[in-house]
Amino acid sequence: MKMKKALLLVFIQFFILYSLLIGKCFSLTIEEGFYSQGLTYAVSGQFREAKQEFDKAFQANPYFIYIQPSLKLAQDAIERKVDKKTAIGMFRAYKLVFEGRKKQALVEFSKILFKDQRYIDAYMGRGNLYSSMGRLNRAIEDFTKVIETQPSFIDAYINRGLVYDRQGKFDDAIADFNKAIEINPNYYDAYVNRGITNRHKGSLNDAIYDFNSAIDINPSHYDAYENRGVAYREKEDIGKAILDFTRAIELRPQYAKAYLKRGNTRVLKGQYTEAIRDYELAIELAPDFDEAYFNRGTTYLSQGKSAEAIVDFDKVIELSPNYYEAYNNRGIAHRYMGDHDSAIADFQKTAQINPKYFEAYNNLGVAYRYKGDFESAIASFTKAIQLRPQYAKAYLNRGNSFVNQDKIEEALQDYNKAIEIDPKMGDVYFNRGTIYLNLDKFDLAILDFDRAIRSQPDYSPAYFNKAFSYDKVGFIDDAIQAYQVFLQHAKPEDREYIARANDRIKKLKKIRKSDGF
């Protein structure tokens, strides 16, 4: 019987290693393959062999999420600090967690605790499992039980602090991290996690202090640099953020998320080519990294490369069919390419996946408006406003649709509301000014065009309409000067208006000369 069991284990080990060599093994990474083999040994009570495989997994990826508890348990079992049945039960639970069978894993942890209510590793395992399942209060109960049983058990404070952070209870989280630091002033993870909570709390200087402290303790660990980079980015210190992400990459070259974050930061600096290269590197390291495809697609979209963007959004949707932002952005790309029907379909799908995503309804309205379906456009903008009553852009767009229907009073009401919400929105002033211009309310029109110019100093149509308003009201000198200012701000695509401005300047100068001025 023992011989058959040994042969079976040898076969399994051979199969896993062979599969790893040919790149299969049910899509397991190298560390996952070794870890899986270690679990196979562990649940059969072969703890030394299990530890050897766990060591290989650790060597392949020291940051592998499952490895530390399993290494500790295997060593405890070897040293007989835990009895064999309990160790096998724990490894059975770990195996179920690794396989994604979380409910069954909960049962295994609970069985162990039923037999020994003071076994803190089982509470830690179950607490972490509860946390991964979103059952945060139950997780806190388990970590608290560990602390009550062994008040100096530092990881219980860390893990409970992490759960408090997820709940938005930042002061409670910081109190737990402070306790961990009190127990061990050189505990790297405590400073990193306290820094993350301080960042979530908005205390960016405190967060950077914590990350600096972590780096002082261990300058060769990547995640303090990564998190400090995020804090610098939120402080809008983009240069320092990029340097920190680069350092994190140097310390962990295979870490796809660091490339993603550096790419995101480079976008903020306008370094689009470099950002796209970072997203490409992230994808090379993690071919199923949906967020990397999404961000690369969004960067392509911002550059006007709609076709390339659509390819990336297609890939995101293939990987994550409920990634509603990908449908939304693909819809925008289709609209830029003039394919309004495909855009409408994507925005409708976005709203179907997330009915509370107000931007989808706004974008749907824009697509309908471009198609000339103003009633559907107004209905979509109204839905966006219902979901987000302070959404200025939706009022602007609904006002534009009312203008298309010659419903001027309704349009003015929407423009006024948009300005009330966002007084710096230049487009609204321009559109309202244009209505006043058409109504011959030139003084109001000029005021609005001035406001539009203050909000968007490079917006050439506002300069032209301001000049035209002076022209209409008969203020010759003001009109000439305003047309000349327009010509200073005009763009190549303003050719028609450039010609009109030059023509009006000539005619107004003749009028002024004939009038003796």
Protein backbone atom coordinates (compact mmCIF):
# COMPACT_ATOMS: atom_id res chain seq x y z
CA MET A 1 0.00 0.00 0.00
CA LYS A 2 2.84 2.39 0.96
CA MET A 3 4.63 1.51 -2.29
CA LYS A 4 1.54 2.38 -4.39
CA LYS A 5 1.16 5.67 -2.53
CA ALA A 6 4.81 6.53 -3.10
CA LEU A 7 4.55 5.68 -6.79
CA LEU A 8 1.42 7.83 -7.12
CA LEU A 9 3.21 10.81 -5.56
CA VAL A 10 6.21 10.33 -7.86
CA PHE A 11 3.86 10.26 -10.86
CA ILE A 12 2.09 13.41 -9.72
CA GLN A 13 5.38 15.19 -9.16
CA PHE A 14 6.65 14.12 -12.59
CA PHE A 15 3.41 15.29 -14.21
CA ILE A 16 3.57 18.71 -12.57
CA LEU A 17 7.23 19.29 -13.40
CA TYR A 18 6.75 18.07 -16.98
CA SER A 19 3.73 20.27 -17.41
CA LEU A 20 5.70 23.25 -16.09
CA LEU A 21 8.43 22.58 -18.63
CA ILE A 22 5.99 22.60 -21.53
CA GLY A 23 4.16 25.65 -20.13
CA LYS A 24 0.93 24.00 -19.11
CA CYS A 25 0.03 22.69 -15.66
CA PHE A 26 -3.46 24.06 -15.79
CA SER A 27 -2.04 27.60 -16.29
CA LEU A 28 -0.10 27.46 -13.01
CA THR A 29 2.92 29.70 -12.58
CA ILE A 30 6.24 28.12 -11.55
CA GLU A 31 5.73 28.98 -7.89
CA GLU A 32 2.15 27.72 -8.00
CA GLY A 33 3.34 24.44 -9.45
CA PHE A 34 5.85 23.88 -6.66
CA TYR A 35 3.32 25.02 -4.08
CA SER A 36 0.67 22.67 -5.43
CA GLN A 37 3.12 19.76 -5.25
CA GLY A 38 4.02 20.76 -1.69
CA LEU A 39 0.36 20.69 -0.69
CA THR A 40 0.02 17.24 -2.21
CA TYR A 41 2.83 16.00 0.04
CA ALA A 42 1.53 17.93 3.07
CA VAL A 43 -2.02 16.57 3.04
CA SER A 44 -0.52 13.08 3.04
CA GLY A 45 1.62 13.92 6.06
CA GLN A 46 4.96 14.11 4.21
CA PHE A 47 6.01 17.42 5.73
CA ARG A 48 9.73 17.36 4.89
CA GLU A 49 9.00 16.77 1.23
CA ALA A 50 6.32 19.45 1.39
CA LYS A 51 8.73 21.98 2.84
CA GLN A 52 11.24 21.27 0.08
CA GLU A 53 8.59 22.16 -2.51
CA PHE A 54 7.52 25.24 -0.55
CA ASP A 55 11.16 26.35 -0.45
CA LYS A 56 11.29 26.03 -4.25
CA ALA A 57 8.11 28.09 -4.53
CA PHE A 58 9.65 30.75 -2.28
CA GLN A 59 12.81 30.82 -4.39
CA ALA A 60 10.72 31.21 -7.54
CA ASN A 61 8.68 34.07 -6.02
CA PRO A 62 9.37 35.30 -2.48
CA TYR A 63 6.20 37.42 -2.67
CA PHE A 64 3.89 34.49 -3.40
CA ILE A 65 0.88 35.16 -1.20
CA TYR A 66 0.37 31.63 0.17
CA ILE A 67 3.94 30.69 0.91
CA GLN A 68 4.79 32.08 4.35
CA PRO A 69 1.99 30.37 6.36
CA SER A 70 2.67 27.07 4.62
CA LEU A 71 6.44 27.24 5.23
CA LYS A 72 5.83 27.97 8.91
CA LEU A 73 3.28 25.18 9.30
CA ALA A 74 5.52 22.64 7.54
CA GLN A 75 8.44 23.56 9.82
CA ASP A 76 6.17 23.38 12.90
CA ALA A 77 4.98 19.94 11.81
CA ILE A 78 8.54 18.74 11.24
CA GLU A 79 9.54 19.99 14.69
CA ARG A 80 6.32 18.53 16.14
CA LYS A 81 5.18 21.89 17.47
CA VAL A 82 1.79 20.93 16.05
CA ASP A 83 0.35 17.41 15.98
CA LYS A 84 0.18 15.58 12.68
CA LYS A 85 -3.63 15.47 12.38
CA THR A 86 -3.95 19.20 13.00
CA ALA A 87 -1.21 19.97 10.49
CA ILE A 88 -2.85 17.78 7.84
CA GLY A 89 -6.20 19.48 8.52
CA MET A 90 -4.60 22.92 8.14
CA PHE A 91 -2.92 21.91 4.90
CA ARG A 92 -6.21 20.50 3.68
CA ALA A 93 -7.76 23.91 4.32
CA TYR A 94 -4.84 25.69 2.60
CA LYS A 95 -5.25 23.41 -0.40
CA LEU A 96 -8.95 24.20 -0.63
CA VAL A 97 -8.18 27.93 -0.45
CA PHE A 98 -5.57 27.56 -3.20
CA GLU A 99 -8.11 25.72 -5.36
CA GLY A 100 -10.69 28.46 -4.80
CA ARG A 101 -13.00 26.24 -2.75
CA LYS A 102 -13.44 28.78 0.00
CA LYS A 103 -16.60 27.47 1.66
CA GLN A 104 -15.09 24.02 2.09
CA ALA A 105 -11.93 25.63 3.47
CA LEU A 106 -14.01 27.44 6.09
CA VAL A 107 -15.40 24.11 7.20
CA GLU A 108 -11.89 22.68 7.60
CA PHE A 109 -10.63 25.65 9.63
CA SER A 110 -13.75 25.49 11.82
CA LYS A 111 -13.25 21.75 12.43
CA ILE A 112 -9.75 22.43 13.71
CA LEU A 113 -10.95 25.24 15.98
CA PHE A 114 -13.76 23.07 17.32
CA LYS A 115 -11.09 20.68 18.60
CA ASP A 116 -8.65 23.37 19.77
CA GLN A 117 -10.10 26.80 20.38
CA ARG A 118 -6.66 28.27 21.18
CA TYR A 119 -4.91 27.30 17.95
CA ILE A 120 -4.10 30.77 16.65
CA ASP A 121 -2.86 29.68 13.19
CA ALA A 122 -6.35 28.36 12.41
CA TYR A 123 -7.90 31.66 13.50
CA MET A 124 -5.39 33.51 11.31
CA GLY A 125 -6.13 31.24 8.35
CA ARG A 126 -9.88 31.55 8.77
CA GLY A 127 -9.64 35.31 9.38
CA ASN A 128 -7.70 35.78 6.15
CA LEU A 129 -10.23 33.63 4.34
CA TYR A 130 -13.15 35.63 5.73
CA SER A 131 -11.36 38.80 4.60
CA SER A 132 -10.90 37.46 1.05
CA MET A 133 -14.63 36.62 0.97
CA GLY A 134 -15.61 40.12 2.05
CA ARG A 135 -16.91 38.94 5.43
CA LEU A 136 -14.93 41.61 7.21
CA ASN A 137 -16.61 41.59 10.63
CA ARG A 138 -16.04 37.85 10.92
CA ALA A 139 -12.40 38.37 9.95
CA ILE A 140 -12.03 40.99 12.71
CA GLU A 141 -13.55 38.56 15.21
CA ASP A 142 -10.95 35.91 14.36
CA PHE A 143 -7.98 38.30 14.48
CA THR A 144 -9.26 39.71 17.77
CA LYS A 145 -9.46 36.18 19.15
CA VAL A 146 -5.79 35.69 18.27
CA ILE A 147 -4.87 38.95 20.03
CA GLU A 148 -6.84 37.93 23.13
CA THR A 149 -5.08 34.56 23.14
CA GLN A 150 -1.60 35.90 22.41
CA PRO A 151 -1.39 39.72 22.81
CA SER A 152 2.08 39.93 21.31
CA PHE A 153 1.17 38.13 18.05
CA ILE A 154 2.13 40.93 15.69
CA ASP A 155 0.57 39.61 12.45
CA ALA A 156 -2.88 39.60 14.05
CA TYR A 157 -2.62 43.37 14.56
CA ILE A 158 -1.39 43.79 10.99
CA ASN A 159 -4.20 41.72 9.49
CA ARG A 160 -6.90 43.29 11.63
CA GLY A 161 -5.54 46.72 10.68
CA LEU A 162 -5.80 45.80 7.01
CA VAL A 163 -9.45 44.87 7.47
CA TYR A 164 -10.20 48.08 9.35
CA ASP A 165 -8.59 49.97 6.45
CA ARG A 166 -10.91 48.22 3.99
CA GLN A 167 -13.86 49.27 6.15
CA GLY A 168 -12.71 52.88 6.10
CA LYS A 169 -11.98 52.77 9.85
CA PHE A 170 -8.62 54.41 9.37
CA ASP A 171 -8.00 55.44 12.99
CA ASP A 172 -8.65 51.87 14.18
CA ALA A 173 -6.30 50.56 11.49
CA ILE A 174 -3.55 52.99 12.47
CA ALA A 175 -3.99 52.03 16.13
CA ASP A 176 -3.35 48.38 15.20
CA PHE A 177 -0.30 49.24 13.10
CA ASN A 178 1.00 51.41 15.96
CA LYS A 179 0.63 48.44 18.29
CA ALA A 180 2.58 46.26 15.88
CA ILE A 181 5.36 48.86 15.79
CA GLU A 182 5.31 49.06 19.59
CA ILE A 183 5.86 45.29 19.74
CA ASN A 184 8.60 45.42 17.09
CA PRO A 185 9.90 48.89 16.13
CA ASN A 186 11.70 47.39 13.12
CA TYR A 187 8.71 45.59 11.65
CA TYR A 188 8.78 46.63 7.99
CA ASP A 189 5.22 45.60 7.09
CA ALA A 190 3.73 47.69 9.90
CA TYR A 191 5.23 50.90 8.50
CA VAL A 192 4.19 50.08 4.93
CA ASN A 193 0.61 49.29 5.93
CA ARG A 194 0.34 52.33 8.21
CA GLY A 195 1.60 54.40 5.28
CA ILE A 196 -1.08 52.96 3.01
CA THR A 197 -3.78 53.77 5.56
CA ASN A 198 -2.43 57.30 6.03
CA ARG A 199 -2.61 57.72 2.26
CA HIS A 200 -6.20 56.45 2.21
CA LYS A 201 -6.91 58.93 5.02
CA GLY A 202 -5.47 61.76 2.92
CA SER A 203 -2.47 62.28 5.23
CA LEU A 204 0.10 62.10 2.43
CA ASN A 205 3.03 63.55 4.38
CA ASP A 206 2.48 61.01 7.16
CA ALA A 207 2.25 58.27 4.54
CA ILE A 208 5.57 59.30 2.97
CA TYR A 209 7.17 59.38 6.44
CA ASP A 210 6.02 55.79 7.00
CA PHE A 211 7.31 54.60 3.64
CA ASN A 212 10.64 56.33 4.33
CA SER A 213 10.81 54.49 7.67
CA ALA A 214 10.13 51.17 5.92
CA ILE A 215 12.87 51.88 3.38
CA ASP A 216 15.31 52.70 6.18
CA ILE A 217 14.56 49.28 7.69
CA ASN A 218 14.74 47.37 4.41
CA PRO A 219 15.98 49.38 1.40
CA SER A 220 15.87 46.33 -0.88
CA HIS A 221 12.12 45.64 -0.64
CA TYR A 222 10.05 46.93 -3.54
CA ASP A 223 6.64 47.72 -2.04
CA ALA A 224 7.63 50.72 0.10
CA TYR A 225 8.96 52.39 -3.05
CA GLU A 226 5.83 51.43 -4.98
CA ASN A 227 3.50 52.85 -2.33
CA ARG A 228 5.60 55.96 -1.81
CA GLY A 229 5.35 56.48 -5.57
CA VAL A 230 1.57 56.41 -5.32
CA ALA A 231 1.69 58.98 -2.48
CA TYR A 232 3.98 61.26 -4.48
CA ARG A 233 1.65 60.94 -7.48
CA GLU A 234 -1.31 61.96 -5.32
CA LYS A 235 0.76 64.94 -4.14
CA GLU A 236 1.28 65.72 -7.86
CA ASP A 237 5.04 65.28 -7.47
CA ILE A 238 5.19 63.29 -10.68
CA GLY A 239 8.97 63.19 -11.04
CA LYS A 240 9.52 61.60 -7.64
CA ALA A 241 6.65 59.17 -8.27
CA ILE A 242 8.25 57.92 -11.50
CA LEU A 243 11.61 57.52 -9.75
CA ASP A 244 9.99 55.41 -7.02
CA PHE A 245 8.13 53.16 -9.46
CA THR A 246 11.38 52.73 -11.39
CA ARG A 247 13.17 51.70 -8.19
CA ALA A 248 10.40 49.21 -7.40
CA ILE A 249 10.85 47.73 -10.89
CA GLU A 250 14.61 47.47 -10.39
CA LEU A 251 14.03 45.53 -7.17
CA ARG A 252 11.30 43.34 -8.66
CA PRO A 253 11.65 43.31 -12.46
CA GLN A 254 8.84 40.79 -13.00
CA TYR A 255 6.22 42.88 -11.15
CA ALA A 256 3.67 43.91 -13.77
CA LYS A 257 1.72 46.29 -11.50
CA ALA A 258 4.76 48.53 -11.01
CA TYR A 259 5.00 49.01 -14.78
CA LEU A 260 1.27 49.77 -14.86
CA LYS A 261 1.58 52.40 -12.12
CA ARG A 262 4.59 54.00 -13.75
CA GLY A 263 2.69 54.08 -17.03
CA ASN A 264 -0.30 55.73 -15.35
CA THR A 265 2.01 58.35 -13.86
CA ARG A 266 3.74 59.02 -17.17
CA VAL A 267 0.33 59.71 -18.72
CA LEU A 268 -0.15 62.49 -16.16
CA LYS A 269 3.15 63.99 -17.33
CA GLY A 270 2.14 63.73 -20.99
CA GLN A 271 4.74 61.03 -21.69
CA TYR A 272 2.36 58.92 -23.77
CA THR A 273 4.97 56.95 -25.72
CA GLU A 274 6.78 55.95 -22.53
CA ALA A 275 3.47 55.13 -20.85
CA ILE A 276 2.42 52.83 -23.68
CA ARG A 277 5.79 51.07 -23.45
CA ASP A 278 5.21 50.50 -19.73
CA TYR A 279 1.79 49.02 -20.44
CA GLU A 280 3.35 46.77 -23.07
CA LEU A 281 5.93 45.53 -20.55
CA ALA A 282 3.17 44.87 -18.02
CA ILE A 283 1.29 42.85 -20.64
CA GLU A 284 4.43 40.86 -21.54
CA LEU A 285 4.80 39.91 -17.88
CA ALA A 286 1.07 39.27 -17.33
CA PRO A 287 -0.70 38.53 -20.64
CA ASP A 288 -4.12 38.43 -18.93
CA PHE A 289 -3.67 41.80 -17.18
CA ASP A 290 -6.94 43.45 -18.18
CA GLU A 291 -6.13 46.79 -16.54
CA ALA A 292 -2.94 47.14 -18.59
CA TYR A 293 -4.88 46.65 -21.84
CA PHE A 294 -7.54 49.09 -20.60
CA ASN A 295 -5.05 51.81 -19.72
CA ARG A 296 -3.13 51.37 -22.95
CA GLY A 297 -6.39 51.60 -24.86
CA THR A 298 -7.37 54.74 -22.95
CA THR A 299 -3.99 56.28 -23.75
CA TYR A 300 -4.43 55.45 -27.43
CA LEU A 301 -7.88 57.06 -27.23
CA SER A 302 -6.45 60.27 -25.77
CA GLN A 303 -4.01 60.38 -28.71
CA GLY A 304 -6.80 60.04 -31.26
CA LYS A 305 -5.78 56.46 -32.13
CA SER A 306 -9.28 55.06 -31.93
CA ALA A 307 -8.68 51.89 -33.97
CA GLU A 308 -5.78 50.83 -31.72
CA ALA A 309 -7.86 51.69 -28.67
CA ILE A 310 -10.73 49.47 -29.83
CA VAL A 311 -8.38 46.50 -30.21
CA ASP A 312 -7.28 46.92 -26.60
CA PHE A 313 -10.82 47.37 -25.28
CA ASP A 314 -11.87 44.25 -27.20
CA LYS A 315 -9.14 42.34 -25.35
CA VAL A 316 -10.26 43.71 -21.97
CA ILE A 317 -13.82 42.58 -22.67
CA GLU A 318 -12.58 39.16 -23.76
CA LEU A 319 -10.67 38.79 -20.48
CA SER A 320 -13.30 40.43 -18.23
CA PRO A 321 -16.76 40.49 -19.83
CA ASN A 322 -18.19 42.70 -17.05
CA TYR A 323 -15.49 45.37 -17.24
CA TYR A 324 -18.04 48.10 -17.92
CA GLU A 325 -15.51 50.94 -18.32
CA ALA A 326 -14.07 49.05 -21.31
CA TYR A 327 -17.46 49.08 -23.05
CA ASN A 328 -17.82 52.77 -22.22
CA ASN A 329 -14.41 53.72 -23.63
CA ARG A 330 -14.88 51.49 -26.65
CA GLY A 331 -18.13 53.35 -27.26
CA ILE A 332 -16.27 56.66 -27.18
CA ALA A 333 -13.73 55.28 -29.69
CA HIS A 334 -16.55 54.13 -32.00
CA ARG A 335 -18.12 57.59 -31.75
CA TYR A 336 -14.84 59.27 -32.65
CA MET A 337 -14.71 57.03 -35.72
CA GLY A 338 -18.26 58.01 -36.67
CA ASP A 339 -19.77 54.61 -35.89
CA HIS A 340 -22.63 55.90 -33.74
CA ASP A 341 -24.65 52.67 -33.81
CA SER A 342 -21.74 50.68 -32.33
CA ALA A 343 -21.17 53.48 -29.83
CA ILE A 344 -24.81 53.36 -28.73
CA ALA A 345 -24.63 49.57 -28.34
CA ASP A 346 -21.52 49.88 -26.14
CA PHE A 347 -23.00 52.61 -23.94
CA GLN A 348 -26.18 50.58 -23.52
CA LYS A 349 -24.10 47.56 -22.51
CA THR A 350 -22.18 49.71 -20.04
CA ALA A 351 -25.43 50.85 -18.43
CA GLN A 352 -26.74 47.27 -18.38
CA ILE A 353 -23.69 46.06 -16.43
CA ASN A 354 -23.66 49.07 -14.12
CA PRO A 355 -27.02 50.89 -14.12
CA LYS A 356 -25.64 53.54 -11.74
CA TYR A 357 -22.78 54.57 -14.01
CA PHE A 358 -24.02 58.05 -14.92
CA GLU A 359 -21.28 58.74 -17.49
CA ALA A 360 -22.61 55.93 -19.67
CA TYR A 361 -25.97 57.72 -20.00
CA ASN A 362 -24.25 61.01 -20.76
CA ASN A 363 -22.15 59.36 -23.48
CA LEU A 364 -25.23 57.57 -24.80
CA GLY A 365 -26.95 60.94 -25.08
CA VAL A 366 -24.02 62.39 -27.01
CA ALA A 367 -24.13 59.48 -29.46
CA TYR A 368 -27.88 59.89 -29.97
CA ARG A 369 -27.39 63.64 -30.53
CA TYR A 370 -24.76 63.01 -33.20
CA LYS A 371 -27.27 60.72 -34.90
CA GLY A 372 -29.88 63.48 -34.77
CA ASP A 373 -32.13 61.59 -32.33
CA PHE A 374 -32.59 64.52 -29.96
CA GLU A 375 -35.46 63.03 -27.96
CA SER A 376 -33.43 59.94 -27.06
CA ALA A 377 -30.45 62.19 -26.33
CA ILE A 378 -32.49 64.32 -23.91
CA ALA A 379 -33.87 61.20 -22.20
CA SER A 380 -30.32 59.87 -21.73
CA PHE A 381 -28.99 63.15 -20.34
CA THR A 382 -31.98 63.33 -18.00
CA LYS A 383 -31.16 59.84 -16.70
CA ALA A 384 -27.56 60.92 -16.09
CA ILE A 385 -28.80 63.94 -14.14
CA GLN A 386 -31.16 61.77 -12.07
CA LEU A 387 -28.20 59.58 -11.11
CA ARG A 388 -25.86 62.54 -10.52
CA PRO A 389 -27.82 65.76 -9.89
CA GLN A 390 -24.59 67.82 -9.74
CA TYR A 391 -23.32 66.55 -13.10
CA ALA A 392 -22.67 69.82 -14.97
CA LYS A 393 -21.65 68.17 -18.23
CA ALA A 394 -25.04 66.45 -18.57
CA TYR A 395 -26.86 69.79 -18.15
CA LEU A 396 -24.58 71.30 -20.82
CA ASN A 397 -25.26 68.43 -23.22
CA ARG A 398 -29.00 68.41 -22.58
CA GLY A 399 -29.00 72.17 -23.15
CA ASN A 400 -27.26 71.60 -26.49
CA SER A 401 -29.96 69.10 -27.47
CA PHE A 402 -32.68 71.58 -26.52
CA VAL A 403 -30.97 74.12 -28.81
CA ASN A 404 -31.14 71.53 -31.62
CA GLN A 405 -34.89 71.43 -31.01
CA ASP A 406 -35.15 75.26 -30.85
CA LYS A 407 -36.24 75.00 -27.20
CA ILE A 408 -34.25 78.04 -26.17
CA GLU A 409 -35.77 78.62 -22.73
CA GLU A 410 -35.12 75.02 -21.71
CA ALA A 411 -31.57 75.30 -23.04
CA LEU A 412 -30.92 78.48 -21.04
CA GLN A 413 -32.24 76.81 -17.88
CA ASP A 414 -29.82 73.92 -18.37
CA TYR A 415 -26.87 76.19 -19.13
CA ASN A 416 -27.64 78.28 -16.04
CA LYS A 417 -27.74 75.12 -13.92
CA ALA A 418 -24.45 73.89 -15.37
CA ILE A 419 -22.82 77.24 -14.52
CA GLU A 420 -24.25 77.11 -11.01
CA ILE A 421 -22.62 73.68 -10.51
CA ASP A 422 -19.32 74.48 -12.28
CA PRO A 423 -18.66 78.23 -12.74
CA LYS A 424 -15.37 77.48 -14.56
CA MET A 425 -16.95 75.53 -17.41
CA GLY A 426 -16.01 77.56 -20.48
CA ASP A 427 -18.18 75.67 -22.99
CA VAL A 428 -21.37 76.61 -21.16
CA TYR A 429 -20.59 80.33 -21.21
CA PHE A 430 -19.81 80.12 -24.92
CA ASN A 431 -23.05 78.29 -25.71
CA ARG A 432 -25.16 80.60 -23.55
CA GLY A 433 -23.39 83.60 -25.07
CA THR A 434 -24.20 82.30 -28.55
CA ILE A 435 -27.90 82.13 -27.60
CA TYR A 436 -27.76 85.72 -26.30
CA LEU A 437 -26.00 86.75 -29.53
CA ASN A 438 -28.78 85.21 -31.61
CA LEU A 439 -31.37 86.95 -29.41
CA ASP A 440 -29.56 90.30 -29.99
CA LYS A 441 -28.73 90.53 -26.28
CA PHE A 442 -25.22 91.66 -27.13
CA ASP A 443 -24.18 92.95 -23.71
CA LEU A 444 -24.99 89.59 -22.12
CA ALA A 445 -23.32 87.77 -25.02
CA ILE A 446 -20.08 89.75 -24.62
CA LEU A 447 -20.03 89.05 -20.86
CA ASP A 448 -20.38 85.31 -21.50
CA PHE A 449 -17.71 85.24 -24.22
CA ASP A 450 -15.34 87.02 -21.82
CA ARG A 451 -16.08 84.38 -19.18
CA ALA A 452 -15.51 81.61 -21.72
CA ILE A 453 -12.13 83.17 -22.63
CA ARG A 454 -11.10 83.38 -18.97
CA SER A 455 -11.93 79.71 -18.54
CA GLN A 456 -10.30 78.63 -21.82
CA PRO A 457 -7.80 81.27 -23.02
CA ASP A 458 -7.02 79.32 -26.19
CA TYR A 459 -10.68 78.84 -27.26
CA SER A 460 -10.69 80.78 -30.54
CA PRO A 461 -14.47 80.67 -31.28
CA ALA A 462 -15.12 82.73 -28.12
CA TYR A 463 -12.79 85.46 -29.41
CA PHE A 464 -14.53 85.51 -32.78
CA ASN A 465 -18.04 85.65 -31.32
CA LYS A 466 -17.02 88.42 -28.93
CA ALA A 467 -15.73 90.44 -31.90
CA PHE A 468 -18.88 89.67 -33.88
CA SER A 469 -21.03 90.87 -30.96
CA TYR A 470 -19.18 94.22 -30.87
CA ASP A 471 -19.56 94.35 -34.65
CA LYS A 472 -23.32 93.76 -34.48
CA VAL A 473 -23.85 96.41 -31.83
CA GLY A 474 -21.82 98.96 -33.81
CA PHE A 475 -18.81 99.36 -31.51
CA ILE A 476 -16.32 99.72 -34.37
CA ASP A 477 -13.06 100.17 -32.44
CA ASP A 478 -13.91 97.40 -30.01
CA ALA A 479 -14.88 95.11 -32.88
CA ILE A 480 -11.62 95.77 -34.81
CA GLN A 481 -9.53 95.16 -31.71
CA ALA A 482 -11.49 91.98 -30.85
CA TYR A 483 -11.11 90.61 -34.40
CA GLN A 484 -7.36 91.26 -34.20
CA VAL A 485 -7.18 89.41 -30.88
CA PHE A 486 -9.10 86.54 -32.48
CA LEU A 487 -6.51 86.38 -35.30
CA GLN A 488 -3.77 86.07 -32.68
CA HIS A 489 -5.52 83.01 -31.18
CA ALA A 490 -6.91 81.49 -34.39
CA LYS A 491 -5.97 77.94 -35.36
CA PRO A 492 -5.38 76.48 -38.83
CA GLU A 493 -8.85 74.91 -38.82
CA ASP A 494 -10.40 78.39 -38.34
CA ARG A 495 -9.69 79.35 -41.98
CA GLU A 496 -13.26 80.44 -42.74
CA TYR A 497 -13.43 82.64 -39.65
CA ILE A 498 -9.95 84.05 -40.28
CA ALA A 499 -11.12 85.17 -43.71
CA ARG A 500 -14.30 86.69 -42.25
CA ALA A 501 -12.34 88.48 -39.52
CA ASN A 502 -9.88 89.99 -42.01
CA ASP A 503 -12.75 91.07 -44.25
CA ARG A 504 -14.62 92.73 -41.37
CA ILE A 505 -11.48 94.51 -40.15
CA LYS A 506 -11.02 96.05 -43.63
CA LYS A 507 -14.67 97.09 -43.89
CA LEU A 508 -14.84 98.48 -40.36
CA LYS A 509 -11.67 100.51 -40.93
CA LYS A 510 -13.25 101.96 -44.08
CA ILE A 511 -16.42 102.79 -42.15
CA ARG A 512 -14.37 104.44 -39.42
CA LYS A 513 -12.43 106.45 -41.99
CA SER A 514 -15.56 107.54 -43.85
CA ASP A 515 -17.10 108.65 -40.55
CA GLY A 516 -14.05 110.84 -39.92
CA PHE A 517 -12.59 108.91 -36.96
